[in-house]
């Protein structure tokens, strides 16, 4: 299971996500959809452990 609680992501002064929480259970299928610059790759890198969030827990 993957759990995210109170996640905040910033790139420089730009706020990408604030107070994001969700759970993904084993076997769940998810998709990340958003326009360019919305933070999809940044979120994926945080979930993979390559980046640290500004706040919250993964």
C-alpha atoms as a PDB file:
ATOM      1  CA  UNK A   1       0.000   0.000   0.000  1.00  0.00           C
ATOM      2  CA  UNK A   2       1.078   3.534  -0.722  1.00  0.00           C
ATOM      3  CA  UNK A   3      -0.171   6.277   1.592  1.00  0.00           C
ATOM      4  CA  UNK A   4       0.332  10.024   1.227  1.00  0.00           C
ATOM      5  CA  UNK A   5      -0.739  12.453   3.933  1.00  0.00           C
ATOM      6  CA  UNK A   6      -0.682  16.263   3.902  1.00  0.00           C
ATOM      7  CA  UNK A   7       1.715  16.453   0.957  1.00  0.00           C
ATOM      8  CA  UNK A   8       2.948  19.855  -0.197  1.00  0.00           C
ATOM      9  CA  UNK A   9       5.103  20.293  -3.287  1.00  0.00           C
ATOM     10  CA  UNK A  10       6.806  23.484  -4.399  1.00  0.00           C
ATOM     11  CA  UNK A  11       9.178  24.216  -7.242  1.00  0.00           C
ATOM     12  CA  UNK A  12      10.938  27.399  -6.264  1.00  0.00           C
ATOM     13  CA  UNK A  13       8.244  29.827  -5.139  1.00  0.00           C
ATOM     14  CA  UNK A  14       5.544  28.045  -7.178  1.00  0.00           C
ATOM     15  CA  UNK A  15       3.081  25.922  -5.176  1.00  0.00           C
ATOM     16  CA  UNK A  16       2.184  22.764  -7.131  1.00  0.00           C
ATOM     17  CA  UNK A  17       0.194  20.834  -4.508  1.00  0.00           C
ATOM     18  CA  UNK A  18      -1.030  21.623  -1.020  1.00  0.00           C
ATOM     19  CA  UNK A  19      -2.461  19.293   1.667  1.00  0.00           C
ATOM     20  CA  UNK A  20      -2.817  16.295  -0.689  1.00  0.00           C
ATOM     21  CA  UNK A  21      -3.755  12.961   0.886  1.00  0.00           C
ATOM     22  CA  UNK A  22      -4.567   9.606  -0.735  1.00  0.00           C
ATOM     23  CA  UNK A  23      -4.045   5.845  -0.497  1.00  0.00           C
ATOM     24  CA  UNK A  24      -3.338   3.318  -3.219  1.00  0.00           C
ATOM     25  CA  UNK A  25      -3.957  -0.311  -2.274  1.00  0.00           C
ATOM     26  CA  UNK A  26      -2.137  -3.314  -3.740  1.00  0.00           C
ATOM     27  CA  UNK A  27      -3.616  -4.112  -7.137  1.00  0.00           C
ATOM     28  CA  UNK A  28      -5.126  -0.657  -7.649  1.00  0.00           C
ATOM     29  CA  UNK A  29      -4.562   0.990 -11.005  1.00  0.00           C
ATOM     30  CA  UNK A  30      -4.189   4.754 -11.100  1.00  0.00           C
ATOM     31  CA  UNK A  31      -3.420   7.442 -13.640  1.00  0.00           C
ATOM     32  CA  UNK A  32      -1.945  10.916 -13.293  1.00  0.00           C
ATOM     33  CA  UNK A  33      -3.616  13.436 -15.556  1.00  0.00           C
ATOM     34  CA  UNK A  34      -2.890  17.141 -15.774  1.00  0.00           C
ATOM     35  CA  UNK A  35      -1.597  19.829 -18.041  1.00  0.00           C
ATOM     36  CA  UNK A  36       2.074  20.583 -18.572  1.00  0.00           C
ATOM     37  CA  UNK A  37       3.711  21.995 -15.456  1.00  0.00           C
ATOM     38  CA  UNK A  38       1.009  20.705 -13.105  1.00  0.00           C
ATOM     39  CA  UNK A  39       3.493  18.598 -11.108  1.00  0.00           C
ATOM     40  CA  UNK A  40       2.887  15.044 -12.379  1.00  0.00           C
ATOM     41  CA  UNK A  41       6.572  14.206 -12.753  1.00  0.00           C
ATOM     42  CA  UNK A  42       7.458  15.938  -9.486  1.00  0.00           C
ATOM     43  CA  UNK A  43       4.803  13.900  -7.646  1.00  0.00           C
ATOM     44  CA  UNK A  44       6.079  10.691  -9.256  1.00  0.00           C
ATOM     45  CA  UNK A  45       9.645  11.504  -8.182  1.00  0.00           C
ATOM     46  CA  UNK A  46       8.470  12.133  -4.599  1.00  0.00           C
ATOM     47  CA  UNK A  47       6.573   8.824  -4.559  1.00  0.00           C
ATOM     48  CA  UNK A  48       9.684   7.035  -5.871  1.00  0.00           C
ATOM     49  CA  UNK A  49      11.830   8.612  -3.139  1.00  0.00           C
ATOM     50  CA  UNK A  50      13.960  10.655  -5.544  1.00  0.00           C
ATOM     51  CA  UNK A  51      12.713  13.990  -4.109  1.00  0.00           C
ATOM     52  CA  UNK A  52      11.555  15.044  -0.663  1.00  0.00           C
ATOM     53  CA  UNK A  53       8.223  16.832  -0.260  1.00  0.00           C
ATOM     54  CA  UNK A  54       8.147  20.313   1.280  1.00  0.00           C
ATOM     55  CA  UNK A  55       5.656  18.998   3.847  1.00  0.00           C
ATOM     56  CA  UNK A  56       3.721  15.821   4.560  1.00  0.00           C
ATOM     57  CA  UNK A  57       4.511  12.113   4.562  1.00  0.00           C
ATOM     58  CA  UNK A  58       4.732   9.365   1.948  1.00  0.00           C
END
